[in-house]
């Protein structure tokens, strides 16, 4: 139970429901500002494998949700020197279709 600011002395509680002063107990201030720090994975399996990485992101409403992290690619390579081409994004082959022509090529070869 959290009351709006300023807190009357009767409504100041720690995480273990013990009355405390606002500045003498940092746990109560932390709980009031940050909210809950628990979040659950969304999807079919709960393992943090290389192809199923997620990150916890706090929404404007203060709720922790998962954000999917996708694998990065090595990017396009020069056929002569086998080095990655500078100035071209490292995207999957299917994602290059959605990018602009100027983002897919460089004119300073």
C-alpha atoms as a PDB file:
ATOM      1  CA  UNK A   1       0.000   0.000   0.000  1.00  0.00           C
ATOM      2  CA  UNK A   2       1.534   3.278  -1.111  1.00  0.00           C
ATOM      3  CA  UNK A   3       0.007   6.666  -0.442  1.00  0.00           C
ATOM      4  CA  UNK A   4       0.546   9.819  -2.513  1.00  0.00           C
ATOM      5  CA  UNK A   5       3.249  12.310  -1.560  1.00  0.00           C
ATOM      6  CA  UNK A   6       3.777  13.513   1.204  1.00  0.00           C
ATOM      7  CA  UNK A   7       3.436  10.359   3.269  1.00  0.00           C
ATOM      8  CA  UNK A   8       1.825  10.583   6.678  1.00  0.00           C
ATOM      9  CA  UNK A   9       3.906   8.756   9.318  1.00  0.00           C
ATOM     10  CA  UNK A  10       1.264   6.048   9.696  1.00  0.00           C
ATOM     11  CA  UNK A  11       1.537   4.998   6.018  1.00  0.00           C
ATOM     12  CA  UNK A  12       5.326   4.671   5.702  1.00  0.00           C
ATOM     13  CA  UNK A  13       6.176   0.984   5.315  1.00  0.00           C
ATOM     14  CA  UNK A  14       9.285  -0.962   4.377  1.00  0.00           C
ATOM     15  CA  UNK A  15       9.273  -3.995   2.137  1.00  0.00           C
ATOM     16  CA  UNK A  16       8.538  -6.194   5.168  1.00  0.00           C
ATOM     17  CA  UNK A  17       5.474  -4.088   6.229  1.00  0.00           C
ATOM     18  CA  UNK A  18       7.206  -2.469   9.205  1.00  0.00           C
ATOM     19  CA  UNK A  19       6.525   1.260   9.791  1.00  0.00           C
ATOM     20  CA  UNK A  20       9.616   3.394   9.198  1.00  0.00           C
ATOM     21  CA  UNK A  21      10.686   6.970   8.558  1.00  0.00           C
ATOM     22  CA  UNK A  22      11.049   8.050   4.939  1.00  0.00           C
ATOM     23  CA  UNK A  23      14.720   8.996   5.113  1.00  0.00           C
ATOM     24  CA  UNK A  24      15.800   6.376   7.628  1.00  0.00           C
ATOM     25  CA  UNK A  25      14.748   3.477   5.413  1.00  0.00           C
ATOM     26  CA  UNK A  26      15.894   3.565   1.787  1.00  0.00           C
ATOM     27  CA  UNK A  27      13.925   0.444   0.897  1.00  0.00           C
ATOM     28  CA  UNK A  28      10.582   2.206   1.228  1.00  0.00           C
ATOM     29  CA  UNK A  29      11.693   5.092  -0.983  1.00  0.00           C
ATOM     30  CA  UNK A  30      13.091   2.671  -3.570  1.00  0.00           C
ATOM     31  CA  UNK A  31       9.895   0.631  -3.686  1.00  0.00           C
ATOM     32  CA  UNK A  32       7.754   3.732  -4.103  1.00  0.00           C
ATOM     33  CA  UNK A  33       9.761   5.131  -7.013  1.00  0.00           C
ATOM     34  CA  UNK A  34      10.789   1.999  -8.930  1.00  0.00           C
ATOM     35  CA  UNK A  35       7.882  -0.368  -8.425  1.00  0.00           C
ATOM     36  CA  UNK A  36       8.223  -4.081  -9.131  1.00  0.00           C
ATOM     37  CA  UNK A  37      11.431  -5.498 -10.588  1.00  0.00           C
ATOM     38  CA  UNK A  38      10.037  -8.893 -11.658  1.00  0.00           C
ATOM     39  CA  UNK A  39       9.216  -9.816 -15.250  1.00  0.00           C
ATOM     40  CA  UNK A  40       8.403 -13.001 -17.112  1.00  0.00           C
ATOM     41  CA  UNK A  41       9.586 -14.250 -20.475  1.00  0.00           C
ATOM     42  CA  UNK A  42       7.058 -14.322 -23.290  1.00  0.00           C
ATOM     43  CA  UNK A  43       7.309 -17.161 -25.770  1.00  0.00           C
ATOM     44  CA  UNK A  44       7.609 -20.896 -26.042  1.00  0.00           C
ATOM     45  CA  UNK A  45      10.779 -21.619 -24.069  1.00  0.00           C
ATOM     46  CA  UNK A  46      12.386 -19.893 -21.110  1.00  0.00           C
ATOM     47  CA  UNK A  47      16.063 -20.560 -21.850  1.00  0.00           C
ATOM     48  CA  UNK A  48      18.421 -17.660 -22.561  1.00  0.00           C
ATOM     49  CA  UNK A  49      19.959 -19.283 -25.620  1.00  0.00           C
ATOM     50  CA  UNK A  50      21.844 -17.454 -28.368  1.00  0.00           C
ATOM     51  CA  UNK A  51      18.775 -17.308 -30.582  1.00  0.00           C
ATOM     52  CA  UNK A  52      16.357 -16.287 -27.812  1.00  0.00           C
ATOM     53  CA  UNK A  53      17.988 -13.344 -26.007  1.00  0.00           C
ATOM     54  CA  UNK A  54      15.788 -10.795 -24.280  1.00  0.00           C
ATOM     55  CA  UNK A  55      16.298  -7.635 -22.242  1.00  0.00           C
ATOM     56  CA  UNK A  56      14.125  -6.153 -19.510  1.00  0.00           C
ATOM     57  CA  UNK A  57      12.774  -2.702 -20.436  1.00  0.00           C
ATOM     58  CA  UNK A  58      10.694  -0.458 -18.197  1.00  0.00           C
ATOM     59  CA  UNK A  59       7.625   1.003 -19.902  1.00  0.00           C
ATOM     60  CA  UNK A  60       6.388   4.555 -19.261  1.00  0.00           C
ATOM     61  CA  UNK A  61       3.773   3.029 -16.966  1.00  0.00           C
ATOM     62  CA  UNK A  62       6.527   1.601 -14.760  1.00  0.00           C
ATOM     63  CA  UNK A  63       6.042  -2.054 -15.737  1.00  0.00           C
ATOM     64  CA  UNK A  64       8.983  -4.262 -16.714  1.00  0.00           C
ATOM     65  CA  UNK A  65       8.458  -5.999 -20.049  1.00  0.00           C
ATOM     66  CA  UNK A  66      10.751  -8.080 -22.213  1.00  0.00           C
ATOM     67  CA  UNK A  67      12.368  -6.693 -25.354  1.00  0.00           C
ATOM     68  CA  UNK A  68      13.622  -9.175 -27.932  1.00  0.00           C
ATOM     69  CA  UNK A  69      17.294  -8.921 -28.928  1.00  0.00           C
ATOM     70  CA  UNK A  70      18.055 -10.246 -32.395  1.00  0.00           C
ATOM     71  CA  UNK A  71      21.344 -11.714 -33.544  1.00  0.00           C
ATOM     72  CA  UNK A  72      23.680  -9.405 -35.439  1.00  0.00           C
ATOM     73  CA  UNK A  73      25.162 -10.462 -38.768  1.00  0.00           C
ATOM     74  CA  UNK A  74      28.701 -10.129 -40.083  1.00  0.00           C
ATOM     75  CA  UNK A  75      27.603  -7.849 -42.910  1.00  0.00           C
ATOM     76  CA  UNK A  76      28.447  -7.837 -46.639  1.00  0.00           C
ATOM     77  CA  UNK A  77      32.058  -8.598 -47.576  1.00  0.00           C
ATOM     78  CA  UNK A  78      34.321  -7.570 -50.423  1.00  0.00           C
ATOM     79  CA  UNK A  79      34.789 -10.447 -52.843  1.00  0.00           C
ATOM     80  CA  UNK A  80      38.486  -9.599 -53.374  1.00  0.00           C
ATOM     81  CA  UNK A  81      39.800  -8.794 -49.884  1.00  0.00           C
ATOM     82  CA  UNK A  82      37.153 -10.685 -47.839  1.00  0.00           C
ATOM     83  CA  UNK A  83      36.748  -7.705 -45.453  1.00  0.00           C
ATOM     84  CA  UNK A  84      33.430  -6.190 -44.411  1.00  0.00           C
ATOM     85  CA  UNK A  85      32.287  -3.190 -46.434  1.00  0.00           C
ATOM     86  CA  UNK A  86      32.191   0.091 -44.521  1.00  0.00           C
ATOM     87  CA  UNK A  87      29.050   2.187 -44.620  1.00  0.00           C
ATOM     88  CA  UNK A  88      26.611  -0.679 -45.165  1.00  0.00           C
ATOM     89  CA  UNK A  89      24.400  -1.878 -42.327  1.00  0.00           C
ATOM     90  CA  UNK A  90      24.822  -5.402 -40.984  1.00  0.00           C
ATOM     91  CA  UNK A  91      21.351  -6.799 -41.613  1.00  0.00           C
ATOM     92  CA  UNK A  92      19.831 -10.139 -42.459  1.00  0.00           C
ATOM     93  CA  UNK A  93      19.282 -10.784 -46.153  1.00  0.00           C
ATOM     94  CA  UNK A  94      15.525 -10.522 -45.735  1.00  0.00           C
ATOM     95  CA  UNK A  95      15.803  -7.107 -44.060  1.00  0.00           C
ATOM     96  CA  UNK A  96      17.772  -5.457 -46.888  1.00  0.00           C
ATOM     97  CA  UNK A  97      14.561  -5.409 -48.926  1.00  0.00           C
ATOM     98  CA  UNK A  98      13.011  -2.893 -46.509  1.00  0.00           C
ATOM     99  CA  UNK A  99      15.992  -0.506 -46.530  1.00  0.00           C
ATOM    100  CA  UNK A 100      16.562   2.355 -48.964  1.00  0.00           C
ATOM    101  CA  UNK A 101      18.870   2.047 -51.971  1.00  0.00           C
ATOM    102  CA  UNK A 102      21.308   4.588 -50.496  1.00  0.00           C
ATOM    103  CA  UNK A 103      21.606   2.470 -47.346  1.00  0.00           C
ATOM    104  CA  UNK A 104      22.445  -0.686 -49.322  1.00  0.00           C
ATOM    105  CA  UNK A 105      25.280   0.696 -51.453  1.00  0.00           C
ATOM    106  CA  UNK A 106      28.251   3.056 -51.254  1.00  0.00           C
ATOM    107  CA  UNK A 107      29.568   5.138 -54.176  1.00  0.00           C
ATOM    108  CA  UNK A 108      33.174   5.490 -52.992  1.00  0.00           C
ATOM    109  CA  UNK A 109      34.367   2.018 -54.000  1.00  0.00           C
END
